[in-house]
Amino acid sequence: MVKSIDYKTHGTCSRMIHVEVEDGIIKNCSFVNGCPGNTLGISKIVVGMKAEDVINTFKGLKCGSKETSCPDQLACALASLSEQ
């Protein structure tokens, strides 16, 4: 079963994350806005990974002086998706 979410980010340059997960594995990930190289890189790296591993790796990462980051927001998106 494929689960997907369009997650509105908070506190980052990116504005939204679209992510699809099937049987706990990330199948698709894309960011709207943000630092193009970084968000594209994150999207490519996480495809094929277990959502749980991405949450554990990215949760709590900060971007400079911000309280969050695009990877942290992806962890939040995945966590909310797993609660559905």
N, C-alpha and C. Protein backbone atom coordinates (compact mmCIF):
# COMPACT_ATOMS: atom_id res chain seq x y z
N MET A 1 0.83 -1.19 0.00
CA MET A 1 0.00 0.00 0.00
C MET A 1 0.88 1.25 0.00
N VAL A 2 0.63 2.15 -0.94
CA VAL A 2 1.39 3.39 -1.04
C VAL A 2 0.70 4.47 -0.22
N LYS A 3 1.47 5.13 0.65
CA LYS A 3 1.00 6.28 1.40
C LYS A 3 1.75 7.49 0.88
N SER A 4 1.04 8.60 0.75
CA SER A 4 1.72 9.82 0.30
C SER A 4 1.22 11.01 1.10
N ILE A 5 2.06 12.04 1.12
CA ILE A 5 1.73 13.26 1.84
C ILE A 5 2.35 14.45 1.12
N ASP A 6 1.65 15.56 1.11
CA ASP A 6 2.20 16.85 0.74
C ASP A 6 2.30 17.62 2.04
N TYR A 7 3.50 17.66 2.59
CA TYR A 7 3.74 18.21 3.93
C TYR A 7 4.17 19.66 3.83
N LYS A 8 3.41 20.55 4.44
CA LYS A 8 3.77 21.97 4.48
C LYS A 8 4.85 22.16 5.53
N THR A 9 6.01 22.61 5.10
CA THR A 9 7.15 22.78 6.00
C THR A 9 7.02 24.04 6.85
N HIS A 10 7.78 24.09 7.91
CA HIS A 10 7.78 25.23 8.84
C HIS A 10 9.23 25.58 9.17
N GLY A 11 9.59 26.85 9.04
CA GLY A 11 10.91 27.32 9.46
C GLY A 11 12.04 27.03 8.50
N THR A 12 11.72 26.68 7.24
CA THR A 12 12.76 26.40 6.25
C THR A 12 12.51 27.18 4.97
N CYS A 13 13.50 27.21 4.11
CA CYS A 13 13.35 27.86 2.80
C CYS A 13 12.42 27.05 1.90
N SER A 14 12.43 25.74 2.05
CA SER A 14 11.48 24.92 1.28
C SER A 14 10.08 25.17 1.85
N ARG A 15 9.09 25.04 1.00
CA ARG A 15 7.71 25.33 1.42
C ARG A 15 6.86 24.07 1.56
N MET A 16 7.24 23.01 0.87
CA MET A 16 6.45 21.79 0.91
C MET A 16 7.35 20.61 0.52
N ILE A 17 6.99 19.44 1.06
CA ILE A 17 7.66 18.20 0.70
C ILE A 17 6.60 17.21 0.27
N HIS A 18 6.80 16.60 -0.89
CA HIS A 18 5.93 15.50 -1.33
C HIS A 18 6.73 14.22 -1.15
N VAL A 19 6.13 13.28 -0.45
CA VAL A 19 6.83 12.01 -0.22
C VAL A 19 5.84 10.85 -0.33
N GLU A 20 6.30 9.77 -0.93
CA GLU A 20 5.51 8.55 -1.07
C GLU A 20 6.28 7.39 -0.44
N VAL A 21 5.58 6.59 0.36
CA VAL A 21 6.18 5.46 1.05
C VAL A 21 5.34 4.22 0.77
N GLU A 22 6.01 3.13 0.43
CA GLU A 22 5.33 1.85 0.21
C GLU A 22 6.01 0.79 1.06
N ASP A 23 5.22 0.16 1.91
CA ASP A 23 5.75 -0.88 2.80
C ASP A 23 6.97 -0.42 3.58
N GLY A 24 6.93 0.84 4.04
CA GLY A 24 8.00 1.37 4.87
C GLY A 24 9.22 1.88 4.10
N ILE A 25 9.20 1.80 2.77
CA ILE A 25 10.32 2.23 1.93
C ILE A 25 9.92 3.47 1.15
N ILE A 26 10.79 4.47 1.15
CA ILE A 26 10.51 5.71 0.42
C ILE A 26 10.64 5.44 -1.08
N LYS A 27 9.58 5.74 -1.81
CA LYS A 27 9.54 5.52 -3.25
C LYS A 27 9.74 6.80 -4.04
N ASN A 28 9.36 7.95 -3.47
CA ASN A 28 9.47 9.23 -4.16
C ASN A 28 9.57 10.33 -3.12
N CYS A 29 10.37 11.34 -3.42
CA CYS A 29 10.52 12.47 -2.51
C CYS A 29 10.89 13.69 -3.34
N SER A 30 10.20 14.81 -3.10
CA SER A 30 10.56 16.06 -3.77
C SER A 30 10.21 17.24 -2.87
N PHE A 31 10.99 18.29 -3.01
CA PHE A 31 10.82 19.52 -2.23
C PHE A 31 10.36 20.64 -3.15
N VAL A 32 9.55 21.55 -2.62
CA VAL A 32 9.17 22.76 -3.32
C VAL A 32 9.97 23.90 -2.69
N ASN A 33 10.76 24.58 -3.51
CA ASN A 33 11.68 25.64 -3.09
C ASN A 33 12.83 25.06 -2.26
N GLY A 34 13.51 25.88 -1.52
CA GLY A 34 14.68 25.45 -0.77
C GLY A 34 15.94 25.57 -1.61
N CYS A 35 17.06 25.14 -1.07
CA CYS A 35 18.34 25.16 -1.77
C CYS A 35 18.34 24.03 -2.80
N PRO A 36 18.30 24.35 -4.10
CA PRO A 36 18.08 23.33 -5.12
C PRO A 36 19.02 22.13 -5.05
N GLY A 37 20.30 22.37 -4.90
CA GLY A 37 21.25 21.26 -4.85
C GLY A 37 21.05 20.38 -3.63
N ASN A 38 20.83 21.01 -2.49
CA ASN A 38 20.65 20.25 -1.26
C ASN A 38 19.36 19.45 -1.26
N THR A 39 18.25 20.09 -1.63
CA THR A 39 16.98 19.38 -1.59
C THR A 39 16.92 18.29 -2.66
N LEU A 40 17.51 18.53 -3.82
CA LEU A 40 17.57 17.48 -4.84
C LEU A 40 18.43 16.32 -4.36
N GLY A 41 19.56 16.64 -3.72
CA GLY A 41 20.43 15.60 -3.18
C GLY A 41 19.74 14.76 -2.11
N ILE A 42 19.06 15.43 -1.19
CA ILE A 42 18.31 14.72 -0.14
C ILE A 42 17.28 13.80 -0.78
N SER A 43 16.54 14.33 -1.76
CA SER A 43 15.50 13.54 -2.43
C SER A 43 16.07 12.28 -3.07
N LYS A 44 17.21 12.40 -3.74
CA LYS A 44 17.83 11.25 -4.40
C LYS A 44 18.36 10.24 -3.39
N ILE A 45 18.96 10.73 -2.32
CA ILE A 45 19.56 9.84 -1.32
C ILE A 45 18.52 8.98 -0.62
N VAL A 46 17.37 9.56 -0.28
CA VAL A 46 16.41 8.84 0.56
C VAL A 46 15.56 7.82 -0.19
N VAL A 47 15.44 7.96 -1.52
CA VAL A 47 14.64 6.99 -2.27
C VAL A 47 15.27 5.60 -2.13
N GLY A 48 14.47 4.64 -1.72
CA GLY A 48 14.94 3.28 -1.49
C GLY A 48 15.29 2.99 -0.04
N MET A 49 15.34 4.02 0.79
CA MET A 49 15.66 3.84 2.21
C MET A 49 14.39 3.57 3.01
N LYS A 50 14.57 2.95 4.17
CA LYS A 50 13.46 2.77 5.10
C LYS A 50 13.11 4.13 5.69
N ALA A 51 11.83 4.44 5.73
CA ALA A 51 11.37 5.70 6.30
C ALA A 51 11.85 5.85 7.74
N GLU A 52 11.81 4.78 8.48
CA GLU A 52 12.25 4.80 9.89
C GLU A 52 13.71 5.21 10.02
N ASP A 53 14.56 4.72 9.11
CA ASP A 53 15.99 5.09 9.14
C ASP A 53 16.19 6.57 8.83
N VAL A 54 15.42 7.09 7.88
CA VAL A 54 15.52 8.51 7.53
C VAL A 54 15.06 9.36 8.70
N ILE A 55 13.97 8.97 9.34
CA ILE A 55 13.50 9.71 10.52
C ILE A 55 14.59 9.74 11.59
N ASN A 56 15.15 8.60 11.91
CA ASN A 56 16.17 8.52 12.96
C ASN A 56 17.44 9.30 12.60
N THR A 57 17.78 9.37 11.33
CA THR A 57 18.99 10.07 10.90
C THR A 57 18.80 11.57 10.83
N PHE A 58 17.66 12.03 10.31
CA PHE A 58 17.45 13.45 10.03
C PHE A 58 16.75 14.22 11.14
N LYS A 59 16.08 13.54 12.05
CA LYS A 59 15.31 14.22 13.09
C LYS A 59 16.23 15.09 13.95
N GLY A 60 15.83 16.36 14.10
CA GLY A 60 16.56 17.27 14.97
C GLY A 60 17.70 18.04 14.32
N LEU A 61 18.00 17.77 13.04
CA LEU A 61 19.07 18.52 12.37
C LEU A 61 18.64 19.97 12.19
N LYS A 62 19.58 20.88 12.39
CA LYS A 62 19.29 22.30 12.25
C LYS A 62 20.05 22.86 11.06
N CYS A 63 19.53 23.95 10.51
CA CYS A 63 20.17 24.66 9.40
C CYS A 63 20.65 26.00 9.94
N GLY A 64 21.93 26.13 10.15
CA GLY A 64 22.47 27.37 10.72
C GLY A 64 21.86 27.66 12.06
N SER A 65 21.32 28.86 12.20
CA SER A 65 20.72 29.25 13.49
C SER A 65 19.23 28.91 13.57
N LYS A 66 18.68 28.31 12.52
CA LYS A 66 17.27 27.92 12.53
C LYS A 66 17.06 26.73 13.46
N GLU A 67 15.87 26.59 13.95
CA GLU A 67 15.53 25.48 14.85
C GLU A 67 15.25 24.18 14.11
N THR A 68 15.22 24.23 12.79
CA THR A 68 14.90 23.07 11.98
C THR A 68 15.72 23.12 10.69
N SER A 69 15.48 22.18 9.80
CA SER A 69 16.16 22.13 8.51
C SER A 69 15.27 21.35 7.55
N CYS A 70 15.63 21.36 6.28
CA CYS A 70 14.86 20.56 5.32
C CYS A 70 14.91 19.06 5.67
N PRO A 71 16.08 18.51 6.04
CA PRO A 71 16.08 17.11 6.45
C PRO A 71 15.21 16.84 7.68
N ASP A 72 15.23 17.76 8.65
CA ASP A 72 14.40 17.62 9.84
C ASP A 72 12.92 17.66 9.46
N GLN A 73 12.56 18.56 8.55
CA GLN A 73 11.17 18.65 8.11
C GLN A 73 10.75 17.39 7.35
N LEU A 74 11.68 16.78 6.61
CA LEU A 74 11.37 15.49 5.96
C LEU A 74 11.11 14.43 7.02
N ALA A 75 11.89 14.41 8.08
CA ALA A 75 11.66 13.47 9.18
C ALA A 75 10.27 13.70 9.78
N CYS A 76 9.88 14.96 9.95
CA CYS A 76 8.54 15.27 10.47
C CYS A 76 7.45 14.78 9.52
N ALA A 77 7.66 14.99 8.22
CA ALA A 77 6.69 14.54 7.23
C ALA A 77 6.52 13.02 7.28
N LEU A 78 7.65 12.33 7.34
CA LEU A 78 7.60 10.86 7.39
C LEU A 78 6.96 10.36 8.66
N ALA A 79 7.24 11.02 9.78
CA ALA A 79 6.65 10.64 11.06
C ALA A 79 5.13 10.82 11.00
N SER A 80 4.67 11.93 10.43
CA SER A 80 3.22 12.15 10.35
C SER A 80 2.58 11.16 9.39
N LEU A 81 3.28 10.76 8.35
CA LEU A 81 2.77 9.79 7.41
C LEU A 81 2.64 8.42 8.06
N SER A 82 3.60 8.07 8.91
CA SER A 82 3.55 6.76 9.57
C SER A 82 2.42 6.68 10.61
N GLU A 83 1.96 7.86 11.06
CA GLU A 83 0.85 7.90 12.02
C GLU A 83 -0.50 7.73 11.35
N GLN A 84 -0.55 7.83 10.03
CA GLN A 84 -1.82 7.72 9.31
C GLN A 84 -2.28 6.28 9.22
